C-alpha atoms as a PDB file:
ATOM      1  CA  MET A   1      99.179 113.955 194.884  1.00  0.00           C
ATOM      2  CA  ASP A   2     101.779 111.827 193.176  1.00  0.00           C
ATOM      3  CA  LEU A   3     101.336 110.032 189.868  1.00  0.00           C
ATOM      4  CA  ALA A   4     100.617 106.587 191.319  1.00  0.00           C
ATOM      5  CA  THR A   5      97.936 107.915 193.671  1.00  0.00           C
ATOM      6  CA  ALA A   6      96.241 109.939 190.941  1.00  0.00           C
ATOM      7  CA  GLU A   7      96.200 106.910 188.657  1.00  0.00           C
ATOM      8  CA  LEU A   8      94.686 104.717 191.391  1.00  0.00           C
ATOM      9  CA  VAL A   9      91.938 107.277 192.131  1.00  0.00           C
ATOM     10  CA  THR A  10      91.083 107.489 188.417  1.00  0.00           C
ATOM     11  CA  LYS A  11      90.803 103.695 188.137  1.00  0.00           C
ATOM     12  CA  LEU A  12      88.439 103.630 191.151  1.00  0.00           C
ATOM     13  CA  LEU A  13      86.306 106.332 189.538  1.00  0.00           C
ATOM     14  CA  VAL A  14      86.085 104.254 186.366  1.00  0.00           C
ATOM     15  CA  GLU A  15      84.899 101.256 188.376  1.00  0.00           C
ATOM     16  CA  ASP A  16      82.294 103.380 190.180  1.00  0.00           C
ATOM     17  CA  VAL A  17      80.916 104.852 186.965  1.00  0.00           C
ATOM     18  CA  GLU A  18      80.715 101.439 185.314  1.00  0.00           C
ATOM     19  CA  GLY A  19      78.917 100.091 188.396  1.00  0.00           C
ATOM     20  CA  LEU A  20      76.399 102.923 188.375  1.00  0.00           C
ATOM     21  CA  ARG A  21      75.802 102.420 184.678  1.00  0.00           C
ATOM     22  CA  SER A  22      75.096  98.707 185.102  1.00  0.00           C
ATOM     23  CA  GLN A  23      72.705  99.377 187.969  1.00  0.00           C
ATOM     24  CA  ALA A  24      70.811 101.992 185.947  1.00  0.00           C
ATOM     25  CA  ASN A  25      70.145  99.513 183.159  1.00  0.00           C
ATOM     26  CA  GLY A  26      67.891  97.410 185.425  1.00  0.00           C
ATOM     27  CA  ASN A  27      66.163 100.335 187.101  1.00  0.00           C
ATOM     28  CA  PRO A  28      62.429 100.618 186.227  1.00  0.00           C
ATOM     29  CA  HIS A  29      62.798 104.404 186.204  1.00  0.00           C
ATOM     30  CA  GLU A  30      65.587 104.420 183.611  1.00  0.00           C
ATOM     31  CA  HIS A  31      63.178 105.796 181.013  1.00  0.00           C
ATOM     32  CA  ASP A  32      62.759 108.898 183.165  1.00  0.00           C
ATOM     33  CA  LEU A  33      66.417 109.795 182.430  1.00  0.00           C
ATOM     34  CA  PRO A  34      66.890 109.208 178.699  1.00  0.00           C
ATOM     35  CA  GLY A  35      70.266 111.008 178.626  1.00  0.00           C
ATOM     36  CA  ALA A  36      71.864 109.099 181.510  1.00  0.00           C
ATOM     37  CA  ASP A  37      73.650 106.567 179.257  1.00  0.00           C
ATOM     38  CA  PHE A  38      75.220 109.376 177.239  1.00  0.00           C
ATOM     39  CA  VAL A  39      76.480 111.044 180.437  1.00  0.00           C
ATOM     40  CA  TYR A  40      78.028 107.757 181.647  1.00  0.00           C
ATOM     41  CA  SER A  41      79.735 107.240 178.281  1.00  0.00           C
ATOM     42  CA  GLU A  42      81.238 110.705 178.204  1.00  0.00           C
ATOM     43  CA  HIS A  43      82.447 110.427 181.788  1.00  0.00           C
ATOM     44  CA  LEU A  44      84.064 107.048 181.136  1.00  0.00           C
ATOM     45  CA  THR A  45      85.765 108.382 178.003  1.00  0.00           C
ATOM     46  CA  SER A  46      87.240 111.269 179.992  1.00  0.00           C
ATOM     47  CA  LEU A  47      88.501 108.922 182.712  1.00  0.00           C
ATOM     48  CA  HIS A  48      90.112 106.525 180.189  1.00  0.00           C
ATOM     49  CA  ASP A  49      91.870 109.469 178.506  1.00  0.00           C
ATOM     50  CA  GLN A  50      93.188 110.501 181.903  1.00  0.00           C
ATOM     51  CA  LEU A  51      94.566 106.999 182.473  1.00  0.00           C
ATOM     52  CA  LYS A  52      96.285 107.136 179.067  1.00  0.00           C
ATOM     53  CA  LEU A  53      97.927 110.434 180.035  1.00  0.00           C
ATOM     54  CA  PHE A  54      99.196 108.864 183.269  1.00  0.00           C
ATOM     55  CA  GLU A  55     100.722 105.983 181.297  1.00  0.00           C
ATOM     56  CA  ASP A  56     102.438 108.344 178.832  1.00  0.00           C
ATOM     57  CA  ARG A  57     103.817 110.412 181.699  1.00  0.00           C
ATOM     58  CA  ARG A  58     105.245 107.289 183.334  1.00  0.00           C
ATOM     59  CA  ILE A  59     107.042 106.404 180.091  1.00  0.00           C
ATOM     60  CA  ALA A  60     108.383 109.955 179.746  1.00  0.00           C
ATOM     61  CA  ILE A  61     109.725 109.871 183.315  1.00  0.00           C
ATOM     62  CA  GLY A  62     111.480 106.588 182.585  1.00  0.00           C
ATOM     63  CA  ILE A  63     113.128 108.017 179.469  1.00  0.00           C
ATOM     64  CA  ASN A  64     114.199 111.119 181.395  1.00  0.00           C
ATOM     65  CA  ASN A  65     115.762 109.007 184.155  1.00  0.00           C
ATOM     66  CA  ALA A  66     117.630 106.922 181.595  1.00  0.00           C
ATOM     67  CA  CYS A  67     119.030 110.088 179.972  1.00  0.00           C
ATOM     68  CA  HIS A  68     120.247 111.344 183.353  1.00  0.00           C
ATOM     69  CA  GLU A  69     121.973 108.018 183.999  1.00  0.00           C
ATOM     70  CA  ASP A  70     123.728 108.166 180.608  1.00  0.00           C
ATOM     71  CA  MET A  71     124.711 111.831 180.935  1.00  0.00           C
ATOM     72  CA  GLY A  72     128.099 110.976 182.439  1.00  0.00           C
ATOM     73  CA  ALA A  73     129.010 108.671 179.562  1.00  0.00           C
ATOM     74  CA  ILE A  74     127.787 111.252 177.029  1.00  0.00           C
ATOM     75  CA  ARG A  75     129.934 113.989 178.592  1.00  0.00           C
ATOM     76  CA  GLU A  76     132.996 111.724 178.595  1.00  0.00           C
ATOM     77  CA  ALA A  77     132.442 110.898 174.907  1.00  0.00           C
ATOM     78  CA  LEU A  78     132.105 114.589 174.010  1.00  0.00           C
ATOM     79  CA  ALA A  79     135.217 115.479 176.022  1.00  0.00           C
ATOM     80  CA  SER A  80     137.158 112.691 174.270  1.00  0.00           C
ATOM     81  CA  GLU A  81     136.092 113.994 170.847  1.00  0.00           C
ATOM     82  CA  ASP A  82     137.097 117.563 171.787  1.00  0.00           C
ATOM     83  CA  GLU A  83     140.502 116.363 173.025  1.00  0.00           C
ATOM     84  CA  ALA A  84     141.092 114.341 169.851  1.00  0.00           C
ATOM     85  CA  ALA A  85     140.149 117.325 167.668  1.00  0.00           C
ATOM     86  CA  HIS A  86     142.444 119.586 169.712  1.00  0.00           C
ATOM     87  CA  ASP A  87     145.395 117.180 169.365  1.00  0.00           C
ATOM     88  CA  HIS A  88     144.820 116.881 165.617  1.00  0.00           C
ATOM     89  CA  ASP A  89     144.592 120.660 165.262  1.00  0.00           C
ATOM     90  CA  MET A  90     147.814 121.192 167.237  1.00  0.00           C
ATOM     91  CA  ALA A  91     149.592 118.620 165.071  1.00  0.00           C
ATOM     92  CA  LEU A  92     148.631 120.370 161.828  1.00  0.00           C
ATOM     93  CA  ARG A  93     149.321 123.974 162.860  1.00  0.00           C
ATOM     94  CA  PRO A  94     153.149 123.860 162.579  1.00  0.00           C
ATOM     95  CA  ALA A  95     152.860 122.607 158.985  1.00  0.00           C
ATOM     96  CA  GLY A  96     150.635 125.515 157.971  1.00  0.00           C
ATOM     97  CA  MET A  97     147.688 123.205 157.283  1.00  0.00           C
ATOM     98  CA  CYS A  98     145.583 124.801 160.028  1.00  0.00           C
ATOM     99  CA  ASN A  99     145.361 128.505 160.858  1.00  0.00           C
ATOM    100  CA  ARG A 100     146.779 129.420 164.244  1.00  0.00           C
ATOM    101  CA  PRO A 101     144.918 131.876 166.514  1.00  0.00           C
ATOM    102  CA  ASP A 102     146.249 135.422 166.555  1.00  0.00           C
ATOM    103  CA  ASN A 103     147.037 135.270 170.259  1.00  0.00           C
ATOM    104  CA  VAL A 104     149.432 132.352 169.653  1.00  0.00           C
ATOM    105  CA  LEU A 105     151.631 134.297 167.221  1.00  0.00           C
ATOM    106  CA  HIS A 106     153.780 136.068 169.820  1.00  0.00           C
ATOM    107  CA  ASN A 107     156.752 136.737 167.541  1.00  0.00           C
ATOM    108  CA  THR A 108     156.498 137.185 163.782  1.00  0.00           C
ATOM    109  CA  ALA A 109     160.230 136.589 163.477  1.00  0.00           C
ATOM    110  CA  ASN A 110     159.677 132.926 164.270  1.00  0.00           C
ATOM    111  CA  THR A 111     156.884 132.521 161.688  1.00  0.00           C
ATOM    112  CA  VAL A 112     158.226 130.500 158.776  1.00  0.00           C
ATOM    113  CA  GLN A 113     156.833 129.819 155.346  1.00  0.00           C
ATOM    114  CA  ARG A 114     157.304 127.015 152.870  1.00  0.00           C
ATOM    115  CA  VAL A 115     159.227 127.819 149.694  1.00  0.00           C
ATOM    116  CA  VAL A 116     158.737 125.289 146.914  1.00  0.00           C
ATOM    117  CA  GLY A 117     161.773 124.690 144.755  1.00  0.00           C
ATOM    118  CA  SER A 118     164.808 122.534 144.320  1.00  0.00           C
ATOM    119  CA  GLY A 119     165.962 123.459 147.811  1.00  0.00           C
ATOM    120  CA  GLY A 120     162.887 121.933 149.484  1.00  0.00           C
ATOM    121  CA  LEU A 121     161.853 123.756 152.662  1.00  0.00           C
ATOM    122  CA  SER A 122     163.658 126.900 153.754  1.00  0.00           C
ATOM    123  CA  LEU A 123     163.134 128.748 157.014  1.00  0.00           C
ATOM    124  CA  GLU A 124     162.491 132.399 156.179  1.00  0.00           C
ATOM    125  CA  PRO A 125     160.709 134.983 158.340  1.00  0.00           C
ATOM    126  CA  GLN A 126     157.634 136.588 156.810  1.00  0.00           C
ATOM    127  CA  SER A 127     158.686 139.992 158.169  1.00  0.00           C
ATOM    128  CA  SER A 128     160.951 141.844 155.734  1.00  0.00           C
ATOM    129  CA  THR A 129     162.642 143.791 158.557  1.00  0.00           C
ATOM    130  CA  ILE A 130     164.282 140.741 160.138  1.00  0.00           C
ATOM    131  CA  GLY A 131     167.256 138.898 158.697  1.00  0.00           C
ATOM    132  CA  LYS A 132     167.203 135.363 157.413  1.00  0.00           C
ATOM    133  CA  ILE A 133     166.979 132.591 160.024  1.00  0.00           C
ATOM    134  CA  GLU A 134     169.946 130.266 159.817  1.00  0.00           C
ATOM    135  CA  ILE A 135     170.366 126.865 161.419  1.00  0.00           C
ATOM    136  CA  ASN A 136     173.649 124.978 161.736  1.00  0.00           C
ATOM    137  CA  GLU A 137     173.285 121.759 159.761  1.00  0.00           C
ATOM    138  CA  HIS A 138     175.289 119.648 162.183  1.00  0.00           C
ATOM    139  CA  GLN A 139     173.228 120.875 165.133  1.00  0.00           C
ATOM    140  CA  ALA A 140     169.992 120.121 163.277  1.00  0.00           C
ATOM    141  CA  ALA A 141     171.281 116.671 162.322  1.00  0.00           C
ATOM    142  CA  SER A 142     172.224 115.850 165.916  1.00  0.00           C
ATOM    143  CA  LEU A 143     168.936 117.143 167.351  1.00  0.00           C
ATOM    144  CA  PHE A 144     166.491 115.672 164.853  1.00  0.00           C
ATOM    145  CA  SER A 145     168.552 112.945 163.093  1.00  0.00           C
ATOM    146  CA  VAL A 146     168.276 114.854 159.799  1.00  0.00           C
ATOM    147  CA  VAL A 147     170.771 114.285 157.007  1.00  0.00           C
ATOM    148  CA  PRO A 148     171.952 117.701 155.677  1.00  0.00           C
ATOM    149  CA  LYS A 149     171.506 118.222 151.961  1.00  0.00           C
ATOM    150  CA  LYS A 150     174.717 118.157 149.937  1.00  0.00           C
ATOM    151  CA  ARG A 151     175.235 120.970 147.475  1.00  0.00           C
ATOM    152  CA  GLY A 152     177.159 119.073 144.754  1.00  0.00           C
ATOM    153  CA  ARG A 153     179.609 121.491 143.088  1.00  0.00           C
ATOM    154  CA  ASP A 154     179.450 123.886 146.059  1.00  0.00           C
ATOM    155  CA  GLU A 155     180.862 121.307 148.496  1.00  0.00           C
ATOM    156  CA  ASN A 156     184.340 122.802 148.143  1.00  0.00           C
ATOM    157  CA  ASN A 157     183.018 126.174 149.297  1.00  0.00           C
ATOM    158  CA  GLU A 158     182.310 124.757 152.754  1.00  0.00           C
ATOM    159  CA  ALA A 159     186.029 124.876 153.526  1.00  0.00           C
ATOM    160  CA  SER A 160     186.141 128.628 152.818  1.00  0.00           C
ATOM    161  CA  GLY A 161     184.230 129.625 155.941  1.00  0.00           C
ATOM    162  CA  GLN A 162     180.648 128.855 154.894  1.00  0.00           C
ATOM    163  CA  GLY A 163     179.877 126.671 157.880  1.00  0.00           C
ATOM    164  CA  ARG A 164     176.336 128.036 158.299  1.00  0.00           C
ATOM    165  CA  ARG A 165     173.533 128.326 155.765  1.00  0.00           C
ATOM    166  CA  SER A 166     169.752 128.068 155.607  1.00  0.00           C
ATOM    167  CA  TYR A 167     168.505 124.569 156.273  1.00  0.00           C
ATOM    168  CA  ALA A 168     167.350 123.006 152.988  1.00  0.00           C
ATOM    169  CA  GLY A 169     165.881 119.744 154.315  1.00  0.00           C
ATOM    170  CA  PRO A 170     166.924 116.091 153.982  1.00  0.00           C
ATOM    171  CA  THR A 171     167.616 114.453 150.634  1.00  0.00           C
ATOM    172  CA  ARG A 172     166.833 110.980 149.513  1.00  0.00           C
ATOM    173  CA  ARG A 173     169.783 108.636 149.411  1.00  0.00           C
ATOM    174  CA  ALA A 174     170.176 106.435 146.356  1.00  0.00           C
ATOM    175  CA  GLU A 175     170.653 103.265 148.394  1.00  0.00           C
ATOM    176  CA  GLU A 176     167.339 103.657 150.243  1.00  0.00           C
ATOM    177  CA  PRO A 177     164.678 101.228 148.960  1.00  0.00           C
ATOM    178  CA  ALA A 178     161.368 102.895 148.135  1.00  0.00           C
ATOM    179  CA  ASN A 179     159.332 100.520 150.297  1.00  0.00           C
ATOM    180  CA  ASP A 180     161.298 101.494 153.442  1.00  0.00           C
ATOM    181  CA  ARG A 181     160.129 105.090 153.311  1.00  0.00           C
ATOM    182  CA  THR A 182     157.144 106.479 155.180  1.00  0.00           C
ATOM    183  CA  GLU A 183     154.904 109.497 154.656  1.00  0.00           C
ATOM    184  CA  CYS A 184     154.881 112.502 156.966  1.00  0.00           C
ATOM    185  CA  ASP A 185     151.374 113.215 158.279  1.00  0.00           C
ATOM    186  CA  ILE A 186     152.117 116.943 158.393  1.00  0.00           C
ATOM    187  CA  CYS A 187     153.678 117.846 155.028  1.00  0.00           C
ATOM    188  CA  ALA A 188     152.764 114.576 153.186  1.00  0.00           C
ATOM    189  CA  ASN A 189     156.364 114.184 151.963  1.00  0.00           C
ATOM    190  CA  SER A 190     158.085 110.806 151.791  1.00  0.00           C
ATOM    191  CA  THR A 191     160.766 110.372 154.425  1.00  0.00           C
ATOM    192  CA  ASN A 192     163.114 107.754 155.820  1.00  0.00           C
ATOM    193  CA  PRO A 193     161.682 106.049 158.949  1.00  0.00           C
ATOM    194  CA  THR A 194     165.016 106.552 160.725  1.00  0.00           C
ATOM    195  CA  GLU A 195     164.687 110.312 160.137  1.00  0.00           C
ATOM    196  CA  SER A 196     161.094 110.581 161.349  1.00  0.00           C
ATOM    197  CA  THR A 197     159.470 110.842 164.764  1.00  0.00           C
ATOM    198  CA  THR A 198     156.146 109.327 165.809  1.00  0.00           C
ATOM    199  CA  LEU A 199     154.101 111.381 168.300  1.00  0.00           C
ATOM    200  CA  ASP A 200     151.514 109.587 170.398  1.00  0.00           C
ATOM    201  CA  CYS A 201     148.517 111.773 169.477  1.00  0.00           C
ATOM    202  CA  LYS A 202     144.834 111.002 169.818  1.00  0.00           C
ATOM    203  CA  PRO A 203     142.926 109.354 168.169  1.00  0.00           C
ATOM    204  CA  LYS A 204     145.950 108.059 166.222  1.00  0.00           C
ATOM    205  CA  PRO A 205     149.715 108.727 166.292  1.00  0.00           C
ATOM    206  CA  HIS A 206     151.240 111.231 163.833  1.00  0.00           C
ATOM    207  CA  VAL A 207     154.475 110.704 161.910  1.00  0.00           C
ATOM    208  CA  TRP A 208     156.696 113.806 161.691  1.00  0.00           C
ATOM    209  CA  CYS A 209     159.605 114.079 159.288  1.00  0.00           C
ATOM    210  CA  GLY A 210     162.826 115.780 160.344  1.00  0.00           C
ATOM    211  CA  ASP A 211     161.924 118.839 158.286  1.00  0.00           C
ATOM    212  CA  CYS A 212     158.689 119.462 160.204  1.00  0.00           C
ATOM    213  CA  MET A 213     160.394 118.774 163.536  1.00  0.00           C
ATOM    214  CA  VAL A 214     162.936 121.503 162.743  1.00  0.00           C
ATOM    215  CA  ARG A 215     160.102 123.884 161.960  1.00  0.00           C
ATOM    216  CA  VAL A 216     158.356 123.068 165.252  1.00  0.00           C
ATOM    217  CA  PHE A 217     161.629 123.615 167.119  1.00  0.00           C
ATOM    218  CA  ASP A 218     162.105 126.962 165.382  1.00  0.00           C
ATOM    219  CA  LEU A 219     158.532 128.059 166.160  1.00  0.00           C
ATOM    220  CA  ALA A 220     158.993 127.167 169.825  1.00  0.00           C
ATOM    221  CA  THR A 221     162.238 129.140 170.284  1.00  0.00           C
END
C-alpha cells in the first residue's frame, strides 16, 4: 500500500469512528457502556497521530527528492573547489611554500633551495655529492626575459673566460619607478611587470617573477 492510499484509508476510519461516536450519544442504551466514549477518544487520537506521521513522511520525501535534484550542482561545486585547490597547491610548490609529495621528487639533483643574502636566489642542489647547478645568464635572459645581475667590480673578470656562473636573480634598475613594479605571488618579491609572467590559474591568476620561472624550469629538466 502506497502512502496516498494509506492516508486515505486512515481518514475514512476517522470519519467512521466519529460517526459511530455521534450515534452512540443518542442511543438510549449508552449508559450500558460507560467506557465507550473513552474508547472512541483513544481510537481517534491514534488515527490522528497516524495522519500526522503520513504528513511528515510526505515532507521528508519532498526534501529527499530536492536533494537528489541538486546533487549534480553540489558535485560540480565540490569538483570546482578541488580543482582550484589543486591549481593553487601546484603554483606554490616550486617556491617551497607547499611541501611536495615524495613520489614527485624523482631527482634530488634538481631540488633547489633558497639562499638569502646579497646574491638573492641561487640554484644549489641539496645533495652534497652533486656539483653546483649553473645556468648561462644570456640563455636565462632570453628564455624568461630576466635581466642578469651585474657584479660591479667583477665585470672585468667576465672577459677572462668566466662566461658561466650561478644565476643570482634580477636586480632593480634605478630608472624603474616604484609604482610600476608588481609582486610575485610565489616568492612575494617585488618585480618588474615586463620581467614577470601571469599564469591563468583558478580561482585567480598567479604572477610569477623571472626568478621563480627559472626555478620551475630547472625543476622540470
